[in-house]
Amino acid sequence: MQKELKIKTSDGYFIYGDLVKNKKASSKLVIFCHGFTGNRNEHIHFNGAKFFSAKGYDTFRFDFYNGGKNARHFEETSLSQHGGDITTILNYFHKQYKKIYVIGHSFGGTSLLFSNTSFATALVFWDASYVVSQEERKFFMKYKSGKEYYIDWGMKIRIGKKFIGELFNFPDCGELVKKIHIPIKFIGTGNGKDAKKYFVKANTPKATVTMTSADHNFNSHEAEKKLFEETYDWIKKY
């Protein structure tokens, strides 16, 4: 029941993703947006698609950047561009489904701040990053040339100029989330600081929960299970 789609963007690129249709025709779609340096087949998205399929939803998980022909390349992207691509996906599906729910993990959640969510029914932020430019400036490292940045996670990942330039001059996330006027839930991990900051600024209806024992990527069976259950408890209301 899984089919790979290529959705064309307004600037001529392709977004690659997997649409999984339920055995019984569904009018509800769940879209998964991965985080920084992630992909559509990370366990929370791959297993999340199976979880929601069992609940009667169709699912779509995709890559913001991909090795496919005419796909975007990571080093040429930015979070606001990711937000534009989410809008493209919503525009693609909105006539096919009565209800569309969008889930964003980490920077995938932050990217939703730049999306037109008019065609979405509800949102869930999975430990989405509340970007503060001064903090981001401390997080990324410069190459010796002084002209480019990277992050070292056991291997150096070069960060594109557009991406890093936007992070270092980022708009107020609190003001951005105020522009969203559909139901939204924030699921945080650890102390839940970012989720709580978003929750205070968000419009109602809204909810938040902190999974204190989970890490940022929900890397345990217990954390993943609770993550899906908390998400389902929210979207089934709308």
Protein backbone atom coordinates (compact mmCIF):
# COMPACT_ATOMS: atom_id res chain seq x y z
CA MET A 1 0.00 0.00 0.00
CA GLN A 2 3.08 2.27 -0.04
CA LYS A 3 3.76 4.47 -3.07
CA GLU A 4 6.63 6.89 -3.62
CA LEU A 5 5.51 10.32 -4.81
CA LYS A 6 7.43 13.17 -6.42
CA ILE A 7 5.79 16.50 -5.69
CA LYS A 8 7.06 19.42 -7.73
CA THR A 9 7.86 22.72 -6.01
CA SER A 10 7.21 26.14 -7.49
CA ASP A 11 10.96 26.61 -8.08
CA GLY A 12 11.36 23.38 -10.05
CA TYR A 13 12.57 20.86 -7.47
CA PHE A 14 10.98 17.57 -6.45
CA ILE A 15 9.97 16.54 -2.94
CA TYR A 16 10.29 12.76 -2.54
CA GLY A 17 8.00 11.00 -0.11
CA ASP A 18 6.08 7.83 0.67
CA LEU A 19 2.29 7.80 0.71
CA VAL A 20 0.80 4.86 2.61
CA LYS A 21 -2.89 4.40 1.96
CA ASN A 22 -5.07 2.49 4.37
CA LYS A 23 -6.74 -0.74 3.28
CA LYS A 24 -10.06 1.01 3.85
CA ALA A 25 -10.45 4.35 2.08
CA SER A 26 -9.56 7.14 4.49
CA SER A 27 -10.46 10.84 4.48
CA LYS A 28 -7.70 11.61 7.00
CA LEU A 29 -3.98 12.07 6.33
CA VAL A 30 -1.04 12.37 8.74
CA ILE A 31 2.08 14.11 7.40
CA PHE A 32 5.49 13.64 9.09
CA CYS A 33 8.21 16.33 8.86
CA HIS A 34 11.69 15.18 9.91
CA GLY A 35 14.28 17.22 11.77
CA PHE A 36 17.80 18.54 11.22
CA THR A 37 19.90 16.19 9.01
CA GLY A 38 17.07 13.64 9.29
CA ASN A 39 15.05 11.69 6.76
CA ARG A 40 11.62 10.17 6.26
CA ASN A 41 12.70 6.69 7.37
CA GLU A 42 13.87 7.53 10.89
CA HIS A 43 12.14 5.21 13.34
CA ILE A 44 9.67 7.77 14.71
CA HIS A 45 8.40 8.51 11.19
CA PHE A 46 8.56 4.98 9.76
CA ASN A 47 6.96 3.42 12.84
CA GLY A 48 4.66 6.39 13.25
CA ALA A 49 3.24 5.71 9.79
CA LYS A 50 2.51 2.11 10.83
CA PHE A 51 0.89 3.28 14.07
CA PHE A 52 -1.47 5.70 12.38
CA SER A 53 -2.24 3.32 9.54
CA ALA A 54 -3.53 0.91 12.19
CA LYS A 55 -5.76 3.72 13.47
CA GLY A 56 -7.33 4.23 10.02
CA TYR A 57 -5.26 7.15 8.72
CA ASP A 58 -3.34 7.49 5.48
CA THR A 59 0.21 8.75 6.03
CA PHE A 60 2.82 10.70 4.10
CA ARG A 61 6.44 10.99 5.17
CA PHE A 62 8.95 12.84 3.02
CA ASP A 63 12.49 14.23 2.78
CA PHE A 64 13.29 17.93 2.86
CA TYR A 65 16.46 16.98 0.93
CA ASN A 66 17.21 13.81 -0.94
CA GLY A 67 19.64 12.15 -3.36
CA GLY A 68 16.94 11.78 -6.01
CA LYS A 69 16.94 13.58 -9.33
CA ASN A 70 16.13 17.29 -8.98
CA ALA A 71 15.64 16.99 -5.22
CA ARG A 72 16.84 19.70 -2.87
CA HIS A 73 20.30 19.34 -1.37
CA PHE A 74 20.76 19.93 2.37
CA GLU A 75 23.49 22.54 1.98
CA GLU A 76 21.22 24.70 -0.22
CA THR A 77 18.18 24.77 2.08
CA SER A 78 16.87 26.73 5.07
CA LEU A 79 14.09 26.31 7.62
CA SER A 80 11.87 28.88 5.95
CA GLN A 81 12.30 27.00 2.67
CA HIS A 82 11.30 23.79 4.44
CA GLY A 83 8.19 25.63 5.58
CA GLY A 84 7.42 26.55 1.99
CA ASP A 85 7.79 22.91 0.95
CA ILE A 86 5.33 21.86 3.67
CA THR A 87 2.88 24.37 2.19
CA THR A 88 3.44 22.78 -1.24
CA ILE A 89 2.61 19.37 0.22
CA LEU A 90 -0.54 20.66 1.93
CA ASN A 91 -1.65 22.25 -1.34
CA TYR A 92 -1.04 18.94 -3.12
CA PHE A 93 -3.16 16.88 -0.73
CA HIS A 94 -5.90 19.22 0.47
CA LYS A 95 -8.46 18.26 -2.19
CA GLN A 96 -7.86 14.56 -1.55
CA TYR A 97 -8.52 14.58 2.21
CA LYS A 98 -11.09 16.16 4.49
CA LYS A 99 -8.64 16.34 7.40
CA ILE A 100 -4.85 16.69 7.35
CA TYR A 101 -2.67 16.53 10.46
CA VAL A 102 0.96 17.64 10.37
CA ILE A 103 3.66 16.46 12.76
CA GLY A 104 7.04 18.19 12.94
CA HIS A 105 10.06 16.80 14.81
CA SER A 106 12.81 19.13 16.01
CA PHE A 107 13.59 21.61 13.20
CA GLY A 108 10.74 19.97 11.26
CA GLY A 109 8.44 21.51 13.85
CA THR A 110 10.23 24.85 13.65
CA SER A 111 9.76 24.74 9.88
CA LEU A 112 5.99 24.60 10.39
CA LEU A 113 6.20 28.18 11.67
CA PHE A 114 6.87 29.23 8.06
CA SER A 115 4.05 27.18 6.52
CA ASN A 116 0.62 28.21 5.38
CA THR A 117 -1.45 25.86 7.53
CA SER A 118 -4.82 26.89 6.09
CA PHE A 119 -5.36 23.36 4.76
CA ALA A 120 -4.20 21.62 7.95
CA THR A 121 -6.61 20.46 10.64
CA ALA A 122 -4.21 20.24 13.60
CA LEU A 123 -0.48 20.24 14.36
CA VAL A 124 1.80 18.37 16.74
CA PHE A 125 5.34 19.55 17.52
CA TRP A 126 7.65 16.69 18.55
CA ASP A 127 10.29 18.40 20.71
CA ALA A 128 10.45 21.24 18.20
CA SER A 129 13.37 23.64 18.55
CA TYR A 130 12.59 27.15 19.80
CA VAL A 131 15.36 28.96 17.94
CA VAL A 132 17.24 31.76 19.65
CA SER A 133 19.95 33.11 17.37
CA GLN A 134 22.47 33.85 20.12
CA GLU A 135 22.31 30.24 21.29
CA GLU A 136 22.66 28.92 17.73
CA ARG A 137 25.82 30.97 17.27
CA LYS A 138 27.41 28.98 20.11
CA PHE A 139 26.28 25.63 18.77
CA PHE A 140 27.85 25.62 15.30
CA MET A 141 31.59 25.71 14.60
CA LYS A 142 33.58 27.51 11.92
CA TYR A 143 35.99 25.87 9.55
CA LYS A 144 39.54 27.26 9.67
CA SER A 145 38.76 29.36 6.62
CA GLY A 146 36.28 31.26 8.78
CA LYS A 147 33.78 31.37 5.93
CA GLU A 148 31.71 28.23 6.51
CA TYR A 149 30.20 26.40 9.47
CA TYR A 150 29.80 22.77 10.46
CA ILE A 151 28.51 20.59 13.25
CA ASP A 152 30.52 17.64 14.54
CA TRP A 153 28.45 14.56 15.46
CA GLY A 154 31.22 12.01 15.04
CA MET A 155 31.54 13.32 11.49
CA LYS A 156 31.59 16.89 10.27
CA ILE A 157 28.40 18.03 8.57
CA ARG A 158 28.79 21.22 6.55
CA ILE A 159 25.99 23.72 7.01
CA GLY A 160 24.97 25.80 4.00
CA LYS A 161 25.26 29.59 4.02
CA LYS A 162 21.52 30.07 3.62
CA PHE A 163 20.73 27.73 6.50
CA ILE A 164 23.27 29.19 8.92
CA GLY A 165 22.56 32.78 7.90
CA GLU A 166 18.87 32.34 8.71
CA LEU A 167 19.56 30.64 12.05
CA PHE A 168 21.88 33.45 13.11
CA ASN A 169 19.24 36.06 12.29
CA PHE A 170 16.12 34.14 13.20
CA PRO A 171 12.74 35.79 13.79
CA ASP A 172 11.01 35.49 17.16
CA CYS A 173 9.52 31.97 17.35
CA GLY A 174 6.91 33.22 19.80
CA GLU A 175 5.63 35.77 17.30
CA LEU A 176 5.63 33.15 14.53
CA VAL A 177 3.60 30.61 16.51
CA LYS A 178 1.03 33.32 17.28
CA LYS A 179 0.16 33.33 13.57
CA ILE A 180 -1.08 29.73 13.75
CA HIS A 181 -4.82 29.47 14.38
CA ILE A 182 -5.50 25.73 14.37
CA PRO A 183 -5.23 23.21 17.24
CA ILE A 184 -1.63 22.61 18.24
CA LYS A 185 0.11 20.35 20.75
CA PHE A 186 3.71 20.58 21.94
CA ILE A 187 5.44 17.41 23.13
CA GLY A 188 8.71 18.17 24.92
CA THR A 189 11.51 16.01 26.31
CA GLY A 190 13.78 16.41 29.32
CA ASN A 191 12.79 19.65 31.04
CA GLY A 192 10.48 20.51 28.15
CA LYS A 193 11.79 24.07 27.99
CA ASP A 194 11.17 24.71 24.30
CA ALA A 195 7.71 23.10 24.31
CA LYS A 196 6.70 25.25 27.28
CA LYS A 197 7.95 28.42 25.59
CA TYR A 198 5.89 27.64 22.50
CA PHE A 199 2.83 26.74 24.56
CA VAL A 200 2.76 30.10 26.36
CA LYS A 201 2.73 32.00 23.05
CA ALA A 202 0.39 29.73 21.06
CA ASN A 203 -3.28 30.33 20.40
CA THR A 204 -5.97 28.02 21.71
CA PRO A 205 -6.88 25.23 21.39
CA LYS A 206 -3.48 24.06 22.56
CA ALA A 207 -1.88 21.45 24.80
CA THR A 208 1.55 20.48 26.02
CA VAL A 209 3.14 17.49 27.69
CA THR A 210 6.71 16.84 28.82
CA MET A 211 8.24 13.38 28.52
CA THR A 212 10.97 13.82 31.11
CA SER A 213 12.65 10.44 30.53
CA ALA A 214 12.74 10.70 26.71
CA ASP A 215 15.66 12.00 24.68
CA HIS A 216 15.30 14.38 21.75
CA ASN A 217 14.81 11.56 19.23
CA PHE A 218 12.56 9.39 21.44
CA ASN A 219 15.09 6.58 21.21
CA SER A 220 13.44 3.93 23.35
CA HIS A 221 10.48 1.64 22.83
CA GLU A 222 8.69 3.23 25.77
CA ALA A 223 9.30 6.79 24.59
CA GLU A 224 8.23 6.04 21.03
CA LYS A 225 5.03 4.33 22.20
CA LYS A 226 4.10 7.23 24.48
CA LEU A 227 4.93 9.73 21.74
CA PHE A 228 2.50 8.10 19.33
CA GLU A 229 -0.20 7.78 21.97
CA GLU A 230 0.10 11.45 23.01
CA THR A 231 -0.08 12.48 19.36
CA TYR A 232 -3.10 10.32 18.65
CA ASP A 233 -4.91 11.59 21.77
CA TRP A 234 -4.66 15.07 20.27
CA ILE A 235 -5.48 14.61 16.61
CA LYS A 236 -8.42 12.26 17.18
CA LYS A 237 -10.24 15.22 18.78
CA TYR A 238 -10.25 17.20 15.53
